[in-house]
Amino acid sequence: MIPGVAADFSNDAIWVSAIKAVLIVVFLLTSVLFAIWFERKVVARMQVRPGPNWHGPFGLLQSLADAMKLLLKEDVTVTRADRVVYLLAPMISVFCALLVFAVVPFGPSVTIPFTDFTTPAQLTDFPVAVLYVLACAAMGVYGIVLGGWSSGSTYPLLGSVRSTAQVISYELAMGLSLVSVFIMAGSMSTSQIVASQAGVWWFLPLLPAFVVYVISMIGETNRLPFDLPEAEGELVSGYMTEYSSMKFAWFFLAEYINMLNVSAIATTLFLGGWRAPWPLSAIADGALNTGWWPVLWFLVKLWAVMFVFVWVRGTLLRLRYDQFMSLGWKVLIPVALGWVVVLSVFQYLGLAGITRTQLVVGVLVVAALVIALMWLWPERRPAAPPGGAADEGAPGTFDAFADGFPVPPLPGQSLPPSPRARRHVPPAGATTGAADATSTAVDRPEETR
């Protein structure tokens, strides 16, 4: 039994871990094929289209046909590319993506059918498992960066630079949102975090952190509306522009596996992991949380989060890059950091012996005092600017270039009449004469020829 870990791996031999690793890889590959079909089908329904419906029942074999097409497609290597790094980059992305599910618990201890062998439905776990997940996600961006740089082309390089800035920005917000879970669960072990949600799932008391995580996970995986590293309208296809055949498929595979990764982490850390939903968890004194049932609940939650990815893609438009970076640095990170501070204070006060009722009353009192101060604080009115009106009610004129550069007038001020406009005002009789000449020309067109 590993200290700080809820799962017991003491009975697992090397061959058991090898079988688990193979099953995880098979699960991820088949899930990617299903995810592609699922996304195309759901977006088609949102747009009132049938979607893939030709190959296999309900078009289920369409993803397999697409995979075979990429496998048999001509493999092209760019002449100006750095050949070694060019081939290595997609492998790095896929390898890092495959590592995350090693610490994701599919369920509690299960018994293998037709045997009496019991093992946790998880490859491994350790006290800092979530930090391991963040490290794998951070290493995966090296594949994108090296792929864009080694292609020897402008658009892939721009896409890789965008992806670097994007991952750095949104991993900070994601990490801060996960700190809230660490504070509440008292552990960074995935199995221990699931065990700590026996009473309540953490997305309820940690709703602000959960919202930040959901937004960050979409930005982390370069999905719409945050797919700026591969924006077709700007960068052709971004860091994947110069890739084809299976090398392109590896990048595509890594993207969908990362979607499954962040969905599994959201399920594990915020949605109770493999635990059954509340009405079902109360049936038969928790019998649905034992055996192979938890694997079903985990998969249902996982695909519910995957549906959010597809829903957002079919609903929202792509953001501008400056808007996207402002959202990450100016909104998500401050909100996540502020929530961590507030939660830490509440946890400290709780450990100090202050009850929740006292905490709520204290918060209400502080909020009432702040509102009262805002209401009673005298309003400071700015002094009249130079060239403004002598009194507040009378409009005045001012010199827009008094400070050396033009500024717009404030309320109650007006610009002086333009000298150019005065020069172009016609004399008193000019308008009448022009009108008479026009009317005469209209009455006698033969004189105007």
Protein backbone atom coordinates (compact mmCIF):
# COMPACT_ATOMS: atom_id res chain seq x y z
CA MET A 1 0.00 0.00 0.00
CA ILE A 2 1.51 3.33 -1.11
CA PRO A 3 1.23 6.04 1.61
CA GLY A 4 -1.25 8.73 0.64
CA VAL A 5 -2.84 6.57 -2.09
CA ALA A 6 -6.25 4.94 -1.75
CA ALA A 7 -5.69 2.16 -4.31
CA ASP A 8 -3.80 -0.99 -3.33
CA PHE A 9 -1.32 -2.18 -5.98
CA SER A 10 0.51 -4.67 -3.75
CA ASN A 11 -0.86 -7.68 -5.66
CA ASP A 12 0.07 -6.36 -9.12
CA ALA A 13 2.97 -8.12 -10.82
CA ILE A 14 4.80 -6.81 -13.86
CA TRP A 15 2.65 -8.83 -16.27
CA VAL A 16 -0.51 -7.34 -14.71
CA SER A 17 0.78 -3.81 -15.27
CA ALA A 18 1.75 -4.70 -18.85
CA ILE A 19 -1.76 -5.99 -19.60
CA LYS A 20 -3.28 -2.84 -18.07
CA ALA A 21 -1.02 -0.63 -20.19
CA VAL A 22 -2.02 -2.47 -23.38
CA LEU A 23 -5.70 -2.21 -22.48
CA ILE A 24 -5.35 1.54 -21.90
CA VAL A 25 -3.69 2.05 -25.29
CA VAL A 26 -6.41 0.00 -27.02
CA PHE A 27 -9.07 1.94 -25.14
CA LEU A 28 -7.59 5.28 -26.23
CA LEU A 29 -7.24 4.29 -29.89
CA THR A 30 -10.79 2.98 -30.14
CA SER A 31 -12.09 5.99 -28.20
CA VAL A 32 -10.43 8.33 -30.71
CA LEU A 33 -12.19 6.58 -33.60
CA PHE A 34 -15.49 6.83 -31.76
CA ALA A 35 -14.83 10.47 -30.78
CA ILE A 36 -14.34 11.48 -34.41
CA TRP A 37 -17.61 9.81 -35.40
CA PHE A 38 -19.33 11.27 -32.32
CA GLU A 39 -18.17 14.80 -33.10
CA ARG A 40 -19.19 14.67 -36.75
CA LYS A 41 -22.57 13.19 -35.88
CA VAL A 42 -23.41 15.66 -33.10
CA VAL A 43 -22.31 18.73 -35.10
CA ALA A 44 -24.34 17.42 -38.06
CA ARG A 45 -27.44 17.14 -35.88
CA MET A 46 -26.88 20.69 -34.61
CA GLN A 47 -26.73 21.89 -38.22
CA VAL A 48 -29.71 19.73 -39.34
CA ARG A 49 -27.58 17.36 -41.42
CA PRO A 50 -27.45 13.57 -41.35
CA GLY A 51 -23.70 13.33 -40.85
CA PRO A 52 -21.76 10.13 -41.67
CA ASN A 53 -24.32 7.42 -42.38
CA TRP A 54 -22.91 5.31 -45.24
CA HIS A 55 -20.03 3.17 -43.94
CA GLY A 56 -21.35 0.72 -41.38
CA PRO A 57 -24.46 1.05 -39.20
CA PHE A 58 -25.10 4.75 -38.46
CA GLY A 59 -21.79 5.51 -40.19
CA LEU A 60 -19.75 3.99 -37.36
CA LEU A 61 -17.06 2.72 -39.74
CA GLN A 62 -16.46 6.16 -41.28
CA SER A 63 -13.65 6.92 -38.80
CA LEU A 64 -11.98 3.61 -39.65
CA ALA A 65 -12.19 4.46 -43.37
CA ASP A 66 -10.59 7.86 -42.70
CA ALA A 67 -7.78 6.19 -40.73
CA MET A 68 -7.12 3.76 -43.58
CA LYS A 69 -7.06 6.67 -46.03
CA LEU A 70 -4.37 8.45 -43.99
CA LEU A 71 -2.42 5.22 -43.65
CA LEU A 72 -2.34 4.64 -47.43
CA LYS A 73 -1.87 8.28 -48.42
CA GLU A 74 1.41 9.38 -50.01
CA ASP A 75 3.97 10.36 -47.38
CA VAL A 76 5.59 13.68 -48.30
CA THR A 77 8.63 15.15 -46.54
CA VAL A 78 9.32 18.84 -47.04
CA THR A 79 12.67 19.55 -48.67
CA ARG A 80 13.63 22.39 -46.32
CA ALA A 81 12.61 20.49 -43.17
CA ASP A 82 14.98 19.29 -40.49
CA ARG A 83 14.31 15.63 -41.19
CA VAL A 84 15.05 14.13 -37.76
CA VAL A 85 13.08 16.69 -35.75
CA TYR A 86 10.37 16.74 -38.43
CA LEU A 87 9.76 13.00 -37.86
CA LEU A 88 10.26 13.11 -34.09
CA ALA A 89 7.78 15.92 -33.33
CA PRO A 90 4.49 14.02 -33.87
CA MET A 91 5.86 11.05 -31.94
CA ILE A 92 6.55 13.30 -28.93
CA SER A 93 2.96 14.60 -28.99
CA VAL A 94 1.43 11.12 -29.15
CA PHE A 95 3.77 9.64 -26.53
CA CYS A 96 3.05 12.40 -24.00
CA ALA A 97 -0.67 12.12 -24.65
CA LEU A 98 -0.64 8.37 -23.97
CA LEU A 99 1.03 8.80 -20.55
CA VAL A 100 -1.79 10.63 -18.78
CA PHE A 101 -4.25 7.73 -18.44
CA ALA A 102 -1.67 5.77 -16.42
CA VAL A 103 -2.89 7.47 -13.23
CA VAL A 104 -6.60 7.80 -14.09
CA PRO A 105 -8.77 5.46 -11.97
CA PHE A 106 -11.49 3.73 -14.00
CA GLY A 107 -12.93 2.24 -10.82
CA PRO A 108 -12.09 0.66 -7.47
CA SER A 109 -10.66 -2.81 -7.11
CA VAL A 110 -12.26 -5.25 -9.54
CA THR A 111 -12.20 -9.03 -9.81
CA ILE A 112 -11.13 -10.52 -13.13
CA PRO A 113 -13.92 -12.73 -14.56
CA PHE A 114 -13.49 -16.50 -14.15
CA THR A 115 -10.71 -15.91 -11.60
CA ASP A 116 -10.37 -14.76 -8.02
CA PHE A 117 -7.65 -12.21 -8.86
CA THR A 118 -8.44 -8.67 -7.62
CA THR A 119 -6.70 -5.53 -8.81
CA PRO A 120 -7.44 -1.79 -8.93
CA ALA A 121 -8.98 -0.57 -12.21
CA GLN A 122 -5.98 1.74 -12.60
CA LEU A 123 -2.48 1.28 -13.95
CA THR A 124 -0.66 3.09 -11.13
CA ASP A 125 -0.92 5.95 -8.67
CA PHE A 126 1.39 7.95 -6.42
CA PRO A 127 1.04 10.90 -4.02
CA VAL A 128 1.76 13.55 -6.71
CA ALA A 129 -0.15 11.97 -9.58
CA VAL A 130 -1.85 15.20 -10.67
CA LEU A 131 1.52 16.95 -10.95
CA TYR A 132 2.58 14.09 -13.21
CA VAL A 133 -0.48 14.80 -15.40
CA LEU A 134 0.43 18.49 -15.67
CA ALA A 135 4.02 17.58 -16.52
CA CYS A 136 2.89 15.27 -19.34
CA ALA A 137 0.60 17.97 -20.71
CA ALA A 138 3.44 20.52 -20.61
CA MET A 139 5.84 18.16 -22.40
CA GLY A 140 3.31 17.52 -25.16
CA VAL A 141 3.66 21.07 -26.44
CA TYR A 142 7.27 20.32 -27.42
CA GLY A 143 5.95 18.16 -30.24
CA ILE A 144 3.91 21.06 -31.59
CA VAL A 145 6.77 23.54 -31.25
CA LEU A 146 9.35 21.27 -32.85
CA GLY A 147 6.94 20.29 -35.62
CA GLY A 148 6.29 23.90 -36.56
CA TRP A 149 9.93 24.92 -36.30
CA SER A 150 11.35 21.95 -38.21
CA SER A 151 8.94 22.35 -41.16
CA GLY A 152 10.99 25.22 -42.57
CA SER A 153 7.88 27.24 -43.39
CA THR A 154 6.31 30.44 -42.08
CA TYR A 155 2.78 29.31 -41.25
CA PRO A 156 3.82 26.26 -39.20
CA LEU A 157 6.29 28.39 -37.25
CA LEU A 158 3.62 30.97 -36.43
CA GLY A 159 1.22 28.21 -35.37
CA SER A 160 3.80 26.62 -33.09
CA VAL A 161 4.64 29.97 -31.45
CA ARG A 162 0.95 30.61 -30.88
CA SER A 163 0.51 27.18 -29.34
CA THR A 164 3.43 27.77 -26.97
CA ALA A 165 1.97 31.01 -25.65
CA GLN A 166 -1.47 29.43 -25.47
CA VAL A 167 -0.39 26.39 -23.47
CA ILE A 168 1.65 28.48 -21.03
CA SER A 169 -1.25 30.85 -20.43
CA TYR A 170 -3.94 28.24 -19.93
CA GLU A 171 -1.86 25.74 -18.01
CA LEU A 172 -1.38 28.39 -15.33
CA ALA A 173 -5.13 28.86 -15.00
CA MET A 174 -5.69 25.10 -15.11
CA GLY A 175 -3.08 24.46 -12.43
CA LEU A 176 -4.57 27.11 -10.15
CA SER A 177 -8.03 25.59 -10.56
CA LEU A 178 -6.65 22.20 -9.52
CA VAL A 179 -5.06 23.69 -6.39
CA SER A 180 -8.59 24.17 -5.04
CA VAL A 181 -9.16 20.42 -5.30
CA PHE A 182 -5.86 19.73 -3.52
CA ILE A 183 -6.92 22.00 -0.65
CA MET A 184 -10.29 20.29 -0.24
CA ALA A 185 -9.12 16.70 -0.78
CA GLY A 186 -5.84 17.05 1.12
CA SER A 187 -4.00 15.00 -1.50
CA MET A 188 -2.73 15.03 -5.09
CA SER A 189 -3.30 11.32 -5.59
CA THR A 190 -6.08 10.62 -8.10
CA SER A 191 -7.46 7.62 -6.21
CA GLN A 192 -7.42 9.58 -2.94
CA ILE A 193 -9.22 12.52 -4.57
CA VAL A 194 -11.95 10.17 -5.82
CA ALA A 195 -12.23 8.69 -2.33
CA SER A 196 -12.61 12.19 -0.84
CA GLN A 197 -15.72 12.78 -2.98
CA ALA A 198 -17.80 10.11 -1.24
CA GLY A 199 -20.03 12.78 0.30
CA VAL A 200 -20.08 15.52 -2.33
CA TRP A 201 -18.52 15.96 -5.75
CA TRP A 202 -16.02 18.81 -5.76
CA PHE A 203 -17.58 20.67 -8.69
CA LEU A 204 -20.40 21.84 -6.38
CA PRO A 205 -18.38 23.57 -3.61
CA LEU A 206 -15.63 24.51 -6.08
CA LEU A 207 -17.84 25.77 -8.91
CA PRO A 208 -15.63 28.80 -9.83
CA ALA A 209 -12.57 26.53 -10.09
CA PHE A 210 -14.55 24.02 -12.16
CA VAL A 211 -15.66 26.73 -14.62
CA VAL A 212 -12.06 27.95 -14.95
CA TYR A 213 -10.90 24.38 -15.56
CA VAL A 214 -13.51 23.75 -18.27
CA ILE A 215 -12.52 26.91 -20.15
CA SER A 216 -8.81 26.15 -19.69
CA MET A 217 -9.12 22.57 -20.89
CA ILE A 218 -10.67 23.75 -24.16
CA GLY A 219 -7.86 26.26 -24.63
CA GLU A 220 -5.25 23.67 -23.63
CA THR A 221 -6.36 21.26 -26.37
CA ASN A 222 -6.45 23.91 -29.15
CA ARG A 223 -10.14 23.37 -29.80
CA LEU A 224 -12.71 25.84 -31.11
CA PRO A 225 -13.17 28.64 -30.22
CA PHE A 226 -9.50 28.52 -29.18
CA ASP A 227 -7.96 26.69 -32.17
CA LEU A 228 -5.73 29.63 -33.05
CA PRO A 229 -2.50 27.57 -33.54
CA GLU A 230 -4.19 25.87 -36.53
CA ALA A 231 -6.60 28.60 -37.67
CA GLU A 232 -7.40 27.75 -41.29
CA GLY A 233 -8.33 31.30 -42.24
CA GLU A 234 -5.00 32.68 -41.02
CA LEU A 235 -2.37 29.92 -40.94
CA VAL A 236 -3.71 27.36 -43.48
CA SER A 237 -3.43 24.59 -40.88
CA GLY A 238 -0.87 25.98 -38.46
CA TYR A 239 1.86 23.71 -37.18
CA MET A 240 0.44 20.77 -39.19
CA THR A 241 0.53 22.53 -42.57
CA GLU A 242 3.58 20.68 -43.94
CA TYR A 243 2.58 17.25 -42.58
CA SER A 244 0.73 14.55 -44.49
CA SER A 245 -0.19 10.87 -44.29
CA MET A 246 0.50 9.17 -40.94
CA LYS A 247 2.64 12.00 -39.57
CA PHE A 248 -0.41 14.26 -39.83
CA ALA A 249 -2.54 11.46 -38.33
CA TRP A 250 -0.23 11.33 -35.29
CA PHE A 251 -0.83 15.00 -34.54
CA PHE A 252 -4.55 14.44 -35.08
CA LEU A 253 -4.44 11.42 -32.78
CA ALA A 254 -2.62 13.38 -30.07
CA GLU A 255 -5.26 16.13 -30.19
CA TYR A 256 -8.15 13.74 -29.61
CA ILE A 257 -6.29 11.77 -26.94
CA ASN A 258 -5.65 15.06 -25.13
CA MET A 259 -9.39 15.75 -25.27
CA LEU A 260 -9.96 12.40 -23.58
CA ASN A 261 -7.20 13.19 -21.06
CA VAL A 262 -8.61 16.50 -19.86
CA SER A 263 -12.12 15.04 -19.81
CA ALA A 264 -10.91 12.16 -17.64
CA ILE A 265 -9.14 14.56 -15.27
CA ALA A 266 -12.30 16.69 -15.00
CA THR A 267 -14.27 13.53 -14.22
CA THR A 268 -11.76 12.34 -11.63
CA LEU A 269 -11.13 15.62 -9.82
CA PHE A 270 -14.49 17.38 -10.01
CA LEU A 271 -17.25 14.91 -10.99
CA GLY A 272 -16.74 12.14 -8.45
CA GLY A 273 -14.58 9.93 -10.66
CA TRP A 274 -16.05 6.44 -10.97
CA ARG A 275 -18.75 7.03 -8.34
CA ALA A 276 -22.38 6.67 -9.38
CA PRO A 277 -24.59 9.80 -9.56
CA TRP A 278 -26.54 10.67 -6.43
CA PRO A 279 -29.88 8.94 -7.04
CA LEU A 280 -28.13 5.74 -8.10
CA SER A 281 -25.44 5.87 -5.42
CA ALA A 282 -28.13 5.63 -2.72
CA ILE A 283 -29.56 2.40 -4.17
CA ALA A 284 -28.75 -0.83 -2.34
CA ASP A 285 -26.41 0.90 0.09
CA GLY A 286 -23.75 1.75 -2.51
CA ALA A 287 -23.84 -1.54 -4.37
CA LEU A 288 -23.54 0.32 -7.69
CA ASN A 289 -20.14 1.66 -6.58
CA THR A 290 -18.58 -1.79 -6.43
CA GLY A 291 -17.55 -4.35 -9.02
CA TRP A 292 -17.56 -3.33 -12.69
CA TRP A 293 -20.39 -0.78 -12.36
CA PRO A 294 -18.00 2.11 -11.57
CA VAL A 295 -16.29 1.66 -14.95
CA LEU A 296 -19.64 2.37 -16.61
CA TRP A 297 -20.22 5.53 -14.53
CA PHE A 298 -16.72 6.75 -15.34
CA LEU A 299 -17.26 6.31 -19.10
CA VAL A 300 -20.66 8.03 -18.97
CA LYS A 301 -19.14 11.08 -17.25
CA LEU A 302 -16.16 11.06 -19.59
CA TRP A 303 -18.35 11.22 -22.69
CA ALA A 304 -20.58 13.83 -21.08
CA VAL A 305 -17.54 16.11 -20.83
CA MET A 306 -16.57 15.17 -24.40
CA PHE A 307 -20.02 16.33 -25.48
CA VAL A 308 -19.18 19.76 -24.03
CA PHE A 309 -16.21 19.95 -26.42
CA VAL A 310 -18.44 19.17 -29.39
CA TRP A 311 -21.21 21.47 -28.19
CA VAL A 312 -18.82 24.41 -27.84
CA ARG A 313 -17.32 23.74 -31.28
CA GLY A 314 -20.73 23.72 -32.93
CA THR A 315 -21.86 26.88 -31.11
CA LEU A 316 -19.07 29.45 -30.77
CA LEU A 317 -16.89 31.28 -33.28
CA ARG A 318 -13.12 31.58 -33.16
CA LEU A 319 -11.77 34.40 -30.99
CA ARG A 320 -9.09 36.86 -32.03
CA TYR A 321 -5.70 36.03 -30.61
CA ASP A 322 -5.52 39.19 -28.45
CA GLN A 323 -8.97 38.44 -27.03
CA PHE A 324 -7.92 34.89 -26.26
CA MET A 325 -4.74 35.91 -24.45
CA SER A 326 -6.57 38.65 -22.54
CA LEU A 327 -9.13 36.08 -21.37
CA GLY A 328 -6.38 33.85 -20.04
CA TRP A 329 -4.12 36.42 -18.37
CA LYS A 330 -6.63 39.08 -17.29
CA VAL A 331 -9.66 36.96 -16.37
CA LEU A 332 -9.00 33.27 -15.77
CA ILE A 333 -5.71 33.49 -13.89
CA PRO A 334 -6.84 36.32 -11.51
CA VAL A 335 -10.16 34.57 -10.86
CA ALA A 336 -8.48 31.22 -10.17
CA LEU A 337 -5.83 32.83 -7.95
CA GLY A 338 -8.41 34.85 -6.02
CA TRP A 339 -10.53 31.75 -5.50
CA VAL A 340 -7.52 29.84 -4.14
CA VAL A 341 -6.84 32.66 -1.66
CA VAL A 342 -10.47 32.79 -0.49
CA LEU A 343 -10.66 29.01 -0.17
CA SER A 344 -7.39 28.89 1.76
CA VAL A 345 -8.65 31.50 4.22
CA PHE A 346 -11.88 29.58 4.74
CA GLN A 347 -10.01 26.32 5.27
CA TYR A 348 -7.65 27.96 7.77
CA LEU A 349 -10.52 29.48 9.71
CA GLY A 350 -12.27 26.13 9.71
CA LEU A 351 -9.18 24.44 11.13
CA ALA A 352 -8.98 27.20 13.74
CA GLY A 353 -12.35 26.12 15.15
CA ILE A 354 -14.67 28.65 13.51
CA THR A 355 -17.94 27.05 12.40
CA ARG A 356 -19.49 27.46 8.96
CA THR A 357 -22.35 29.51 10.42
CA GLN A 358 -19.88 31.96 11.91
CA LEU A 359 -18.04 32.13 8.59
CA VAL A 360 -21.24 32.90 6.67
CA VAL A 361 -22.28 35.56 9.19
CA GLY A 362 -18.82 37.13 9.03
CA VAL A 363 -18.89 37.25 5.23
CA LEU A 364 -22.34 38.86 5.25
CA VAL A 365 -21.21 41.47 7.79
CA VAL A 366 -18.11 42.35 5.76
CA ALA A 367 -20.17 42.60 2.57
CA ALA A 368 -22.69 44.88 4.31
CA LEU A 369 -19.89 47.15 5.58
CA VAL A 370 -18.34 47.40 2.10
CA ILE A 371 -21.70 48.29 0.54
CA ALA A 372 -22.35 50.89 3.25
CA LEU A 373 -18.94 52.50 2.74
CA MET A 374 -19.49 52.61 -1.02
CA TRP A 375 -22.87 54.25 -0.45
CA LEU A 376 -21.72 56.83 2.13
CA TRP A 377 -18.34 57.73 0.64
CA PRO A 378 -18.55 61.25 -0.82
CA GLU A 379 -18.25 61.51 -4.55
CA ARG A 380 -15.19 63.34 -5.80
CA ARG A 381 -15.93 65.48 -8.80
CA PRO A 382 -13.07 66.36 -11.13
CA ALA A 383 -12.01 69.96 -11.41
CA ALA A 384 -13.06 71.91 -14.48
CA PRO A 385 -10.46 71.43 -17.24
CA PRO A 386 -8.61 74.41 -18.72
CA GLY A 387 -10.77 76.25 -21.19
CA GLY A 388 -13.93 74.74 -19.75
CA ALA A 389 -17.09 76.46 -18.69
CA ALA A 390 -16.92 78.90 -15.83
CA ASP A 391 -19.94 77.31 -14.18
CA GLU A 392 -21.11 73.72 -14.37
CA GLY A 393 -24.33 74.31 -16.22
CA ALA A 394 -23.12 76.55 -19.07
CA PRO A 395 -21.42 74.88 -22.00
CA GLY A 396 -17.94 76.17 -22.76
CA THR A 397 -15.31 75.88 -25.44
CA PHE A 398 -11.77 74.69 -24.92
CA ASP A 399 -8.58 74.33 -26.84
CA ALA A 400 -8.22 70.71 -27.95
CA PHE A 401 -4.45 71.20 -28.51
CA ALA A 402 -3.73 72.81 -25.13
CA ASP A 403 -1.59 69.86 -23.98
CA GLY A 404 0.20 69.43 -27.31
CA PHE A 405 -2.03 66.68 -28.68
CA PRO A 406 -5.71 66.59 -29.63
CA VAL A 407 -8.22 65.40 -27.04
CA PRO A 408 -12.00 65.04 -27.41
CA PRO A 409 -14.31 67.41 -25.52
CA LEU A 410 -15.74 66.33 -22.18
CA PRO A 411 -19.48 66.56 -21.36
CA GLY A 412 -20.44 70.22 -21.08
CA GLN A 413 -17.66 71.37 -23.42
CA SER A 414 -17.75 72.15 -27.11
CA LEU A 415 -15.15 72.70 -29.77
CA PRO A 416 -14.82 76.16 -31.33
CA PRO A 417 -16.08 76.47 -34.91
CA SER A 418 -13.59 75.25 -37.47
CA PRO A 419 -11.76 78.01 -39.42
CA ARG A 420 -11.93 75.80 -42.51
CA ALA A 421 -15.71 75.62 -42.23
CA ARG A 422 -15.87 79.44 -41.99
CA ARG A 423 -13.76 79.82 -45.13
CA HIS A 424 -16.13 77.60 -47.13
CA VAL A 425 -19.35 79.35 -46.09
CA PRO A 426 -20.76 81.01 -49.29
CA PRO A 427 -21.70 84.72 -49.28
CA ALA A 428 -25.23 85.76 -48.57
CA GLY A 429 -26.35 85.97 -52.21
CA ALA A 430 -24.20 83.14 -53.58
CA THR A 431 -26.62 80.35 -52.78
CA THR A 432 -29.55 82.16 -54.36
CA GLY A 433 -27.62 82.97 -57.49
CA ALA A 434 -26.43 79.40 -57.87
CA ALA A 435 -29.96 78.18 -57.44
CA ASP A 436 -31.25 80.65 -60.04
CA ALA A 437 -28.57 79.56 -62.50
CA THR A 438 -29.45 75.93 -61.94
CA SER A 439 -33.14 76.52 -62.41
CA THR A 440 -32.48 78.55 -65.59
CA ALA A 441 -30.30 75.79 -66.99
CA VAL A 442 -33.01 73.26 -66.29
CA ASP A 443 -35.68 75.42 -67.91
CA ARG A 444 -33.56 76.09 -71.01
CA PRO A 445 -31.35 73.05 -71.59
CA GLU A 446 -30.44 74.13 -75.08
CA GLU A 447 -28.34 76.99 -73.66
CA THR A 448 -26.21 74.63 -71.59
CA ARG A 449 -24.92 72.60 -74.53
